[in-house]
Amino acid sequence: MEDIWSNVIDSLKERVGQQNFDIWIKPIHFVSIEGDKVELEVPNRFFKEWINEHYSPQIKEAFSFVTQQPCQLQFSLTPSIPSIILWWGRAINLLMPLVSR
């Protein structure tokens, strides 16, 4: 299963660009795949809504390409506070060079 996620990740890097990948895709954790249902874990509710609105089609396309079958995405929330802090820290580090220009 991790091979599937690894291939999906590689495909998404090319589709969304490095900066968007680092901010929005990298924090996603693969949980499981059963039939056509793919469960992914995200840091918080805002993140879940943003991914659903902006990246679900690309994620579905990448999974479908790798598995050769359509899929449905299900997102669960990461229960720990440290992952949220880590995600915000990454986002701030990536955006700071843009702000200081």
PDB file of N, CA and C in Angstrom:
ATOM      1  N   MET A   1       0.806  -1.198   0.000  1.00  0.00           N
ATOM      2  CA  MET A   1       0.000   0.000   0.000  1.00  0.00           C
ATOM      3  C   MET A   1       0.858   1.275   0.000  1.00  0.00           C
ATOM      4  N   GLU A   2       1.955   1.243   0.718  1.00  0.00           N
ATOM      5  CA  GLU A   2       2.832   2.417   0.756  1.00  0.00           C
ATOM      6  C   GLU A   2       3.424   2.712  -0.621  1.00  0.00           C
ATOM      7  N   ASP A   3       3.611   1.662  -1.439  1.00  0.00           N
ATOM      8  CA  ASP A   3       4.096   1.874  -2.805  1.00  0.00           C
ATOM      9  C   ASP A   3       3.094   2.682  -3.613  1.00  0.00           C
ATOM     10  N   ILE A   4       1.819   2.401  -3.420  1.00  0.00           N
ATOM     11  CA  ILE A   4       0.771   3.155  -4.110  1.00  0.00           C
ATOM     12  C   ILE A   4       0.861   4.621  -3.718  1.00  0.00           C
ATOM     13  N   TRP A   5       0.925   4.898  -2.410  1.00  0.00           N
ATOM     14  CA  TRP A   5       0.987   6.284  -1.935  1.00  0.00           C
ATOM     15  C   TRP A   5       2.252   6.972  -2.437  1.00  0.00           C
ATOM     16  N   SER A   6       3.354   6.271  -2.441  1.00  0.00           N
ATOM     17  CA  SER A   6       4.605   6.833  -2.923  1.00  0.00           C
ATOM     18  C   SER A   6       4.487   7.241  -4.395  1.00  0.00           C
ATOM     19  N   ASN A   7       3.862   6.402  -5.202  1.00  0.00           N
ATOM     20  CA  ASN A   7       3.658   6.722  -6.615  1.00  0.00           C
ATOM     21  C   ASN A   7       2.679   7.877  -6.799  1.00  0.00           C
ATOM     22  N   VAL A   8       1.647   7.912  -5.964  1.00  0.00           N
ATOM     23  CA  VAL A   8       0.690   9.024  -6.021  1.00  0.00           C
ATOM     24  C   VAL A   8       1.394  10.327  -5.668  1.00  0.00           C
ATOM     25  N   ILE A   9       2.215  10.293  -4.631  1.00  0.00           N
ATOM     26  CA  ILE A   9       2.978  11.476  -4.200  1.00  0.00           C
ATOM     27  C   ILE A   9       3.868  11.976  -5.345  1.00  0.00           C
ATOM     28  N   ASP A  10       4.575  11.085  -5.996  1.00  0.00           N
ATOM     29  CA  ASP A  10       5.446  11.479  -7.106  1.00  0.00           C
ATOM     30  C   ASP A  10       4.649  12.149  -8.214  1.00  0.00           C
ATOM     31  N   SER A  11       3.498  11.595  -8.517  1.00  0.00           N
ATOM     32  CA  SER A  11       2.644  12.165  -9.551  1.00  0.00           C
ATOM     33  C   SER A  11       2.128  13.553  -9.143  1.00  0.00           C
ATOM     34  N   LEU A  12       1.744  13.706  -7.883  1.00  0.00           N
ATOM     35  CA  LEU A  12       1.208  14.986  -7.407  1.00  0.00           C
ATOM     36  C   LEU A  12       2.270  16.075  -7.391  1.00  0.00           C
ATOM     37  N   LYS A  13       3.506  15.710  -7.089  1.00  0.00           N
ATOM     38  CA  LYS A  13       4.596  16.697  -7.118  1.00  0.00           C
ATOM     39  C   LYS A  13       4.670  17.366  -8.477  1.00  0.00           C
ATOM     40  N   GLU A  14       4.564  16.569  -9.517  1.00  0.00           N
ATOM     41  CA  GLU A  14       4.628  17.095 -10.883  1.00  0.00           C
ATOM     42  C   GLU A  14       3.391  17.923 -11.224  1.00  0.00           C
ATOM     43  N   ARG A  15       2.234  17.522 -10.724  1.00  0.00           N
ATOM     44  CA  ARG A  15       0.970  18.177 -11.075  1.00  0.00           C
ATOM     45  C   ARG A  15       0.775  19.523 -10.388  1.00  0.00           C
ATOM     46  N   VAL A  16       1.230  19.651  -9.132  1.00  0.00           N
ATOM     47  CA  VAL A  16       0.902  20.864  -8.365  1.00  0.00           C
ATOM     48  C   VAL A  16       2.085  21.794  -8.136  1.00  0.00           C
ATOM     49  N   GLY A  17       3.292  21.379  -8.452  1.00  0.00           N
ATOM     50  CA  GLY A  17       4.473  22.207  -8.211  1.00  0.00           C
ATOM     51  C   GLY A  17       5.009  22.008  -6.798  1.00  0.00           C
ATOM     52  N   GLN A  18       6.294  22.295  -6.623  1.00  0.00           N
ATOM     53  CA  GLN A  18       6.970  22.002  -5.365  1.00  0.00           C
ATOM     54  C   GLN A  18       6.406  22.769  -4.171  1.00  0.00           C
ATOM     55  N   GLN A  19       6.173  24.076  -4.322  1.00  0.00           N
ATOM     56  CA  GLN A  19       5.699  24.871  -3.179  1.00  0.00           C
ATOM     57  C   GLN A  19       4.305  24.434  -2.730  1.00  0.00           C
ATOM     58  N   ASN A  20       3.376  24.264  -3.675  1.00  0.00           N
ATOM     59  CA  ASN A  20       2.039  23.783  -3.316  1.00  0.00           C
ATOM     60  C   ASN A  20       2.108  22.382  -2.745  1.00  0.00           C
ATOM     61  N   PHE A  21       2.983  21.561  -3.294  1.00  0.00           N
ATOM     62  CA  PHE A  21       3.158  20.214  -2.769  1.00  0.00           C
ATOM     63  C   PHE A  21       3.596  20.259  -1.306  1.00  0.00           C
ATOM     64  N   ASP A  22       4.616  21.075  -1.011  1.00  0.00           N
ATOM     65  CA  ASP A  22       5.140  21.157   0.358  1.00  0.00           C
ATOM     66  C   ASP A  22       4.089  21.654   1.347  1.00  0.00           C
ATOM     67  N   ILE A  23       3.276  22.599   0.924  1.00  0.00           N
ATOM     68  CA  ILE A  23       2.277  23.174   1.836  1.00  0.00           C
ATOM     69  C   ILE A  23       1.044  22.285   1.970  1.00  0.00           C
ATOM     70  N   TRP A  24       0.526  21.781   0.850  1.00  0.00           N
ATOM     71  CA  TRP A  24      -0.784  21.130   0.868  1.00  0.00           C
ATOM     72  C   TRP A  24      -0.776  19.610   0.746  1.00  0.00           C
ATOM     73  N   ILE A  25       0.178  19.041   0.082  1.00  0.00           N
ATOM     74  CA  ILE A  25       0.151  17.586  -0.138  1.00  0.00           C
ATOM     75  C   ILE A  25       1.024  16.835   0.871  1.00  0.00           C
ATOM     76  N   LYS A  26       2.190  17.362   1.139  1.00  0.00           N
ATOM     77  CA  LYS A  26       3.134  16.684   2.046  1.00  0.00           C
ATOM     78  C   LYS A  26       2.541  16.366   3.425  1.00  0.00           C
ATOM     79  N   PRO A  27       1.718  17.258   4.005  1.00  0.00           N
ATOM     80  CA  PRO A  27       1.152  16.951   5.330  1.00  0.00           C
ATOM     81  C   PRO A  27       0.081  15.853   5.330  1.00  0.00           C
ATOM     82  N   ILE A  28      -0.380  15.440   4.151  1.00  0.00           N
ATOM     83  CA  ILE A  28      -1.408  14.395   4.075  1.00  0.00           C
ATOM     84  C   ILE A  28      -0.762  13.039   4.346  1.00  0.00           C
ATOM     85  N   HIS A  29      -1.441  12.249   5.166  1.00  0.00           N
ATOM     86  CA  HIS A  29      -0.955  10.899   5.476  1.00  0.00           C
ATOM     87  C   HIS A  29      -1.915   9.862   4.901  1.00  0.00           C
ATOM     88  N   PHE A  30      -1.346   8.905   4.221  1.00  0.00           N
ATOM     89  CA  PHE A  30      -2.125   7.788   3.686  1.00  0.00           C
ATOM     90  C   PHE A  30      -2.527   6.880   4.845  1.00  0.00           C
ATOM     91  N   VAL A  31      -3.829   6.533   4.916  1.00  0.00           N
ATOM     92  CA  VAL A  31      -4.320   5.644   5.972  1.00  0.00           C
ATOM     93  C   VAL A  31      -4.614   4.264   5.404  1.00  0.00           C
ATOM     94  N   SER A  32      -5.464   4.224   4.359  1.00  0.00           N
ATOM     95  CA  SER A  32      -5.830   2.915   3.813  1.00  0.00           C
ATOM     96  C   SER A  32      -6.475   3.062   2.440  1.00  0.00           C
ATOM     97  N   ILE A  33      -6.542   1.936   1.756  1.00  0.00           N
ATOM     98  CA  ILE A  33      -7.305   1.825   0.521  1.00  0.00           C
ATOM     99  C   ILE A  33      -8.030   0.496   0.573  1.00  0.00           C
ATOM    100  N   GLU A  34      -9.353   0.551   0.413  1.00  0.00           N
ATOM    101  CA  GLU A  34     -10.185  -0.655   0.404  1.00  0.00           C
ATOM    102  C   GLU A  34     -11.153  -0.525  -0.755  1.00  0.00           C
ATOM    103  N   GLY A  35     -10.972  -1.367  -1.747  1.00  0.00           N
ATOM    104  CA  GLY A  35     -11.794  -1.240  -2.953  1.00  0.00           C
ATOM    105  C   GLY A  35     -11.492   0.088  -3.616  1.00  0.00           C
ATOM    106  N   ASP A  36     -12.541   0.899  -3.796  1.00  0.00           N
ATOM    107  CA  ASP A  36     -12.335   2.208  -4.416  1.00  0.00           C
ATOM    108  C   ASP A  36     -12.260   3.339  -3.392  1.00  0.00           C
ATOM    109  N   LYS A  37     -12.285   3.005  -2.108  1.00  0.00           N
ATOM    110  CA  LYS A  37     -12.250   4.022  -1.051  1.00  0.00           C
ATOM    111  C   LYS A  37     -10.832   4.223  -0.533  1.00  0.00           C
ATOM    112  N   VAL A  38     -10.382   5.470  -0.627  1.00  0.00           N
ATOM    113  CA  VAL A  38      -9.051   5.846  -0.151  1.00  0.00           C
ATOM    114  C   VAL A  38      -9.229   6.762   1.040  1.00  0.00           C
ATOM    115  N   GLU A  39      -8.646   6.382   2.167  1.00  0.00           N
ATOM    116  CA  GLU A  39      -8.714   7.232   3.357  1.00  0.00           C
ATOM    117  C   GLU A  39      -7.375   7.931   3.558  1.00  0.00           C
ATOM    118  N   LEU A  40      -7.453   9.253   3.693  1.00  0.00           N
ATOM    119  CA  LEU A  40      -6.285  10.084   3.926  1.00  0.00           C
ATOM    120  C   LEU A  40      -6.500  10.899   5.180  1.00  0.00           C
ATOM    121  N   GLU A  41      -5.428  11.122   5.905  1.00  0.00           N
ATOM    122  CA  GLU A  41      -5.498  11.886   7.149  1.00  0.00           C
ATOM    123  C   GLU A  41      -4.889  13.266   6.923  1.00  0.00           C
ATOM    124  N   VAL A  42      -5.604  14.295   7.371  1.00  0.00           N
ATOM    125  CA  VAL A  42      -5.154  15.681   7.212  1.00  0.00           C
ATOM    126  C   VAL A  42      -5.104  16.360   8.579  1.00  0.00           C
ATOM    127  N   PRO A  43      -4.316  17.446   8.707  1.00  0.00           N
ATOM    128  CA  PRO A  43      -4.079  18.058  10.019  1.00  0.00           C
ATOM    129  C   PRO A  43      -5.281  18.700  10.703  1.00  0.00           C
ATOM    130  N   ASN A  44      -6.203  19.290   9.926  1.00  0.00           N
ATOM    131  CA  ASN A  44      -7.320  20.004  10.568  1.00  0.00           C
ATOM    132  C   ASN A  44      -8.469  20.190   9.588  1.00  0.00           C
ATOM    133  N   ARG A  45      -9.574  20.739  10.103  1.00  0.00           N
ATOM    134  CA  ARG A  45     -10.788  20.915   9.311  1.00  0.00           C
ATOM    135  C   ARG A  45     -10.583  21.895   8.144  1.00  0.00           C
ATOM    136  N   PHE A  46      -9.886  23.001   8.410  1.00  0.00           N
ATOM    137  CA  PHE A  46      -9.608  23.970   7.354  1.00  0.00           C
ATOM    138  C   PHE A  46      -8.829  23.304   6.215  1.00  0.00           C
ATOM    139  N   PHE A  47      -7.829  22.548   6.593  1.00  0.00           N
ATOM    140  CA  PHE A  47      -6.998  21.835   5.615  1.00  0.00           C
ATOM    141  C   PHE A  47      -7.864  20.883   4.786  1.00  0.00           C
ATOM    142  N   LYS A  48      -8.744  20.157   5.462  1.00  0.00           N
ATOM    143  CA  LYS A  48      -9.641  19.207   4.789  1.00  0.00           C
ATOM    144  C   LYS A  48     -10.509  19.925   3.756  1.00  0.00           C
ATOM    145  N   GLU A  49     -11.086  21.052   4.139  1.00  0.00           N
ATOM    146  CA  GLU A  49     -11.942  21.808   3.223  1.00  0.00           C
ATOM    147  C   GLU A  49     -11.138  22.354   2.043  1.00  0.00           C
ATOM    148  N   TRP A  50      -9.942  22.861   2.317  1.00  0.00           N
ATOM    149  CA  TRP A  50      -9.095  23.405   1.253  1.00  0.00           C
ATOM    150  C   TRP A  50      -8.704  22.313   0.253  1.00  0.00           C
ATOM    151  N   ILE A  51      -8.302  21.174   0.770  1.00  0.00           N
ATOM    152  CA  ILE A  51      -7.921  20.054  -0.103  1.00  0.00           C
ATOM    153  C   ILE A  51      -9.118  19.612  -0.941  1.00  0.00           C
ATOM    154  N   ASN A  52     -10.281  19.500  -0.302  1.00  0.00           N
ATOM    155  CA  ASN A  52     -11.486  19.108  -1.039  1.00  0.00           C
ATOM    156  C   ASN A  52     -11.783  20.077  -2.175  1.00  0.00           C
ATOM    157  N   GLU A  53     -11.675  21.358  -1.912  1.00  0.00           N
ATOM    158  CA  GLU A  53     -11.978  22.376  -2.915  1.00  0.00           C
ATOM    159  C   GLU A  53     -10.930  22.481  -4.013  1.00  0.00           C
ATOM    160  N   HIS A  54      -9.652  22.379  -3.643  1.00  0.00           N
ATOM    161  CA  HIS A  54      -8.589  22.713  -4.584  1.00  0.00           C
ATOM    162  C   HIS A  54      -7.768  21.541  -5.120  1.00  0.00           C
ATOM    163  N   TYR A  55      -7.693  20.441  -4.387  1.00  0.00           N
ATOM    164  CA  TYR A  55      -6.789  19.371  -4.806  1.00  0.00           C
ATOM    165  C   TYR A  55      -7.418  17.987  -4.942  1.00  0.00           C
ATOM    166  N   SER A  56      -8.677  17.829  -4.574  1.00  0.00           N
ATOM    167  CA  SER A  56      -9.309  16.506  -4.697  1.00  0.00           C
ATOM    168  C   SER A  56      -9.251  15.950  -6.116  1.00  0.00           C
ATOM    169  N   PRO A  57      -9.550  16.759  -7.143  1.00  0.00           N
ATOM    170  CA  PRO A  57      -9.481  16.188  -8.500  1.00  0.00           C
ATOM    171  C   PRO A  57      -8.086  15.655  -8.852  1.00  0.00           C
ATOM    172  N   GLN A  58      -7.033  16.415  -8.495  1.00  0.00           N
ATOM    173  CA  GLN A  58      -5.679  15.961  -8.802  1.00  0.00           C
ATOM    174  C   GLN A  58      -5.321  14.696  -8.024  1.00  0.00           C
ATOM    175  N   ILE A  59      -5.745  14.635  -6.760  1.00  0.00           N
ATOM    176  CA  ILE A  59      -5.450  13.452  -5.935  1.00  0.00           C
ATOM    177  C   ILE A  59      -6.181  12.236  -6.501  1.00  0.00           C
ATOM    178  N   LYS A  60      -7.459  12.403  -6.858  1.00  0.00           N
ATOM    179  CA  LYS A  60      -8.220  11.300  -7.447  1.00  0.00           C
ATOM    180  C   LYS A  60      -7.585  10.834  -8.756  1.00  0.00           C
ATOM    181  N   GLU A  61      -7.206  11.791  -9.609  1.00  0.00           N
ATOM    182  CA  GLU A  61      -6.573  11.433 -10.875  1.00  0.00           C
ATOM    183  C   GLU A  61      -5.279  10.660 -10.650  1.00  0.00           C
ATOM    184  N   ALA A  62      -4.491  11.100  -9.684  1.00  0.00           N
ATOM    185  CA  ALA A  62      -3.227  10.421  -9.399  1.00  0.00           C
ATOM    186  C   ALA A  62      -3.473   8.997  -8.894  1.00  0.00           C
ATOM    187  N   PHE A  63      -4.433   8.828  -7.975  1.00  0.00           N
ATOM    188  CA  PHE A  63      -4.750   7.478  -7.485  1.00  0.00           C
ATOM    189  C   PHE A  63      -5.282   6.610  -8.622  1.00  0.00           C
ATOM    190  N   SER A  64      -6.165   7.172  -9.438  1.00  0.00           N
ATOM    191  CA  SER A  64      -6.731   6.400 -10.545  1.00  0.00           C
ATOM    192  C   SER A  64      -5.650   5.990 -11.538  1.00  0.00           C
ATOM    193  N   PHE A  65      -4.705   6.882 -11.778  1.00  0.00           N
ATOM    194  CA  PHE A  65      -3.597   6.566 -12.688  1.00  0.00           C
ATOM    195  C   PHE A  65      -2.748   5.427 -12.130  1.00  0.00           C
ATOM    196  N   VAL A  66      -2.430   5.500 -10.850  1.00  0.00           N
ATOM    197  CA  VAL A  66      -1.556   4.502 -10.222  1.00  0.00           C
ATOM    198  C   VAL A  66      -2.263   3.151 -10.070  1.00  0.00           C
ATOM    199  N   THR A  67      -3.537   3.170  -9.660  1.00  0.00           N
ATOM    200  CA  THR A  67      -4.250   1.913  -9.393  1.00  0.00           C
ATOM    201  C   THR A  67      -5.029   1.396 -10.596  1.00  0.00           C
ATOM    202  N   GLN A  68      -5.156   2.230 -11.627  1.00  0.00           N
ATOM    203  CA  GLN A  68      -5.919   1.877 -12.826  1.00  0.00           C
ATOM    204  C   GLN A  68      -7.401   1.636 -12.535  1.00  0.00           C
ATOM    205  N   GLN A  69      -7.922   2.348 -11.511  1.00  0.00           N
ATOM    206  CA  GLN A  69      -9.363   2.296 -11.213  1.00  0.00           C
ATOM    207  C   GLN A  69      -9.785   3.594 -10.537  1.00  0.00           C
ATOM    208  N   PRO A  70     -11.046   3.992 -10.706  1.00  0.00           N
ATOM    209  CA  PRO A  70     -11.506   5.224 -10.060  1.00  0.00           C
ATOM    210  C   PRO A  70     -11.508   5.054  -8.541  1.00  0.00           C
ATOM    211  N   CYS A  71     -11.494   6.188  -7.840  1.00  0.00           N
ATOM    212  CA  CYS A  71     -11.499   6.110  -6.376  1.00  0.00           C
ATOM    213  C   CYS A  71     -12.366   7.204  -5.777  1.00  0.00           C
ATOM    214  N   GLN A  72     -12.718   6.993  -4.537  1.00  0.00           N
ATOM    215  CA  GLN A  72     -13.426   7.983  -3.724  1.00  0.00           C
ATOM    216  C   GLN A  72     -12.507   8.342  -2.569  1.00  0.00           C
ATOM    217  N   LEU A  73     -12.386   9.633  -2.301  1.00  0.00           N
ATOM    218  CA  LEU A  73     -11.526  10.072  -1.207  1.00  0.00           C
ATOM    219  C   LEU A  73     -12.336  10.278   0.056  1.00  0.00           C
ATOM    220  N   GLN A  74     -11.767   9.849   1.165  1.00  0.00           N
ATOM    221  CA  GLN A  74     -12.324  10.116   2.475  1.00  0.00           C
ATOM    222  C   GLN A  74     -11.204  10.719   3.310  1.00  0.00           C
ATOM    223  N   PHE A  75     -11.504  11.845   3.948  1.00  0.00           N
ATOM    224  CA  PHE A  75     -10.501  12.508   4.770  1.00  0.00           C
ATOM    225  C   PHE A  75     -10.865  12.380   6.240  1.00  0.00           C
ATOM    226  N   SER A  76      -9.884  12.031   7.045  1.00  0.00           N
ATOM    227  CA  SER A  76     -10.052  12.027   8.493  1.00  0.00           C
ATOM    228  C   SER A  76      -9.082  13.051   9.069  1.00  0.00           C
ATOM    229  N   LEU A  77      -9.391  13.527  10.252  1.00  0.00           N
ATOM    230  CA  LEU A  77      -8.558  14.548  10.881  1.00  0.00           C
ATOM    231  C   LEU A  77      -7.520  13.914  11.788  1.00  0.00           C
ATOM    232  N   THR A  78      -6.314  14.454  11.725  1.00  0.00           N
ATOM    233  CA  THR A  78      -5.247  14.014  12.610  1.00  0.00           C
ATOM    234  C   THR A  78      -5.618  14.437  14.028  1.00  0.00           C
ATOM    235  N   PRO A  79      -5.604  13.524  14.964  1.00  0.00           N
ATOM    236  CA  PRO A  79      -6.043  13.869  16.313  1.00  0.00           C
ATOM    237  C   PRO A  79      -5.044  14.662  17.151  1.00  0.00           C
ATOM    238  N   SER A  80      -3.814  14.824  16.682  1.00  0.00           N
ATOM    239  CA  SER A  80      -2.807  15.441  17.549  1.00  0.00           C
ATOM    240  C   SER A  80      -2.556  16.909  17.221  1.00  0.00           C
ATOM    241  N   ILE A  81      -2.330  17.698  18.239  1.00  0.00           N
ATOM    242  CA  ILE A  81      -1.996  19.114  18.109  1.00  0.00           C
ATOM    243  C   ILE A  81      -0.604  19.310  17.477  1.00  0.00           C
ATOM    244  N   PRO A  82       0.402  18.511  17.815  1.00  0.00           N
ATOM    245  CA  PRO A  82       1.735  18.741  17.235  1.00  0.00           C
ATOM    246  C   PRO A  82       1.758  18.747  15.709  1.00  0.00           C
ATOM    247  N   SER A  83       0.935  17.933  15.067  1.00  0.00           N
ATOM    248  CA  SER A  83       0.946  17.920  13.602  1.00  0.00           C
ATOM    249  C   SER A  83       0.411  19.225  13.032  1.00  0.00           C
ATOM    250  N   ILE A  84      -0.556  19.828  13.705  1.00  0.00           N
ATOM    251  CA  ILE A  84      -1.085  21.119  13.265  1.00  0.00           C
ATOM    252  C   ILE A  84      -0.004  22.186  13.396  1.00  0.00           C
ATOM    253  N   ILE A  85       0.689  22.188  14.503  1.00  0.00           N
ATOM    254  CA  ILE A  85       1.767  23.149  14.726  1.00  0.00           C
ATOM    255  C   ILE A  85       2.867  22.952  13.681  1.00  0.00           C
ATOM    256  N   LEU A  86       3.200  21.704  13.399  1.00  0.00           N
ATOM    257  CA  LEU A  86       4.217  21.395  12.405  1.00  0.00           C
ATOM    258  C   LEU A  86       3.800  21.908  11.029  1.00  0.00           C
ATOM    259  N   TRP A  87       2.533  21.682  10.653  1.00  0.00           N
ATOM    260  CA  TRP A  87       2.046  22.147   9.356  1.00  0.00           C
ATOM    261  C   TRP A  87       2.137  23.666   9.256  1.00  0.00           C
ATOM    262  N   TRP A  88       1.667  24.392  10.272  1.00  0.00           N
ATOM    263  CA  TRP A  88       1.727  25.853  10.245  1.00  0.00           C
ATOM    264  C   TRP A  88       3.172  26.332  10.200  1.00  0.00           C
ATOM    265  N   GLY A  89       4.047  25.654  10.914  1.00  0.00           N
ATOM    266  CA  GLY A  89       5.460  26.020  10.888  1.00  0.00           C
ATOM    267  C   GLY A  89       6.041  25.893   9.490  1.00  0.00           C
ATOM    268  N   ARG A  90       5.706  24.804   8.792  1.00  0.00           N
ATOM    269  CA  ARG A  90       6.173  24.624   7.411  1.00  0.00           C
ATOM    270  C   ARG A  90       5.625  25.720   6.507  1.00  0.00           C
ATOM    271  N   ALA A  91       4.334  26.000   6.656  1.00  0.00           N
ATOM    272  CA  ALA A  91       3.704  27.012   5.809  1.00  0.00           C
ATOM    273  C   ALA A  91       4.349  28.377   6.027  1.00  0.00           C
ATOM    274  N   ILE A  92       4.591  28.735   7.276  1.00  0.00           N
ATOM    275  CA  ILE A  92       5.219  30.023   7.587  1.00  0.00           C
ATOM    276  C   ILE A  92       6.633  30.084   7.019  1.00  0.00           C
ATOM    277  N   ASN A  93       7.393  28.998   7.194  1.00  0.00           N
ATOM    278  CA  ASN A  93       8.759  28.968   6.655  1.00  0.00           C
ATOM    279  C   ASN A  93       8.794  29.109   5.138  1.00  0.00           C
ATOM    280  N   LEU A  94       7.823  28.520   4.469  1.00  0.00           N
ATOM    281  CA  LEU A  94       7.779  28.606   3.016  1.00  0.00           C
ATOM    282  C   LEU A  94       7.322  29.981   2.539  1.00  0.00           C
ATOM    283  N   LEU A  95       6.467  30.643   3.320  1.00  0.00           N
ATOM    284  CA  LEU A  95       5.915  31.934   2.893  1.00  0.00           C
ATOM    285  C   LEU A  95       6.777  33.123   3.304  1.00  0.00           C
ATOM    286  N   MET A  96       7.595  32.994   4.323  1.00  0.00           N
ATOM    287  CA  MET A  96       8.403  34.118   4.803  1.00  0.00           C
ATOM    288  C   MET A  96       9.281  34.752   3.714  1.00  0.00           C
ATOM    289  N   PRO A  97       9.958  33.960   2.887  1.00  0.00           N
ATOM    290  CA  PRO A  97      10.765  34.600   1.837  1.00  0.00           C
ATOM    291  C   PRO A  97       9.929  35.453   0.889  1.00  0.00           C
ATOM    292  N   LEU A  98       8.692  35.070   0.671  1.00  0.00           N
ATOM    293  CA  LEU A  98       7.816  35.845  -0.215  1.00  0.00           C
ATOM    294  C   LEU A  98       7.398  37.168   0.419  1.00  0.00           C
ATOM    295  N   VAL A  99       7.182  37.144   1.734  1.00  0.00           N
ATOM    296  CA  VAL A  99       6.754  38.334   2.460  1.00  0.00           C
ATOM    297  C   VAL A  99       7.893  39.352   2.573  1.00  0.00           C
ATOM    298  N   SER A 100       9.100  38.880   2.717  1.00  0.00           N
ATOM    299  CA  SER A 100      10.235  39.780   2.946  1.00  0.00           C
ATOM    300  C   SER A 100      10.800  40.377   1.660  1.00  0.00           C
ATOM    301  N   ARG A 101      10.176  40.112   0.532  1.00  0.00           N
ATOM    302  CA  ARG A 101      10.671  40.690  -0.747  1.00  0.00           C
ATOM    303  C   ARG A 101      10.345  42.148  -0.866  1.00  0.00           C
TER     304      ARG A 101
END
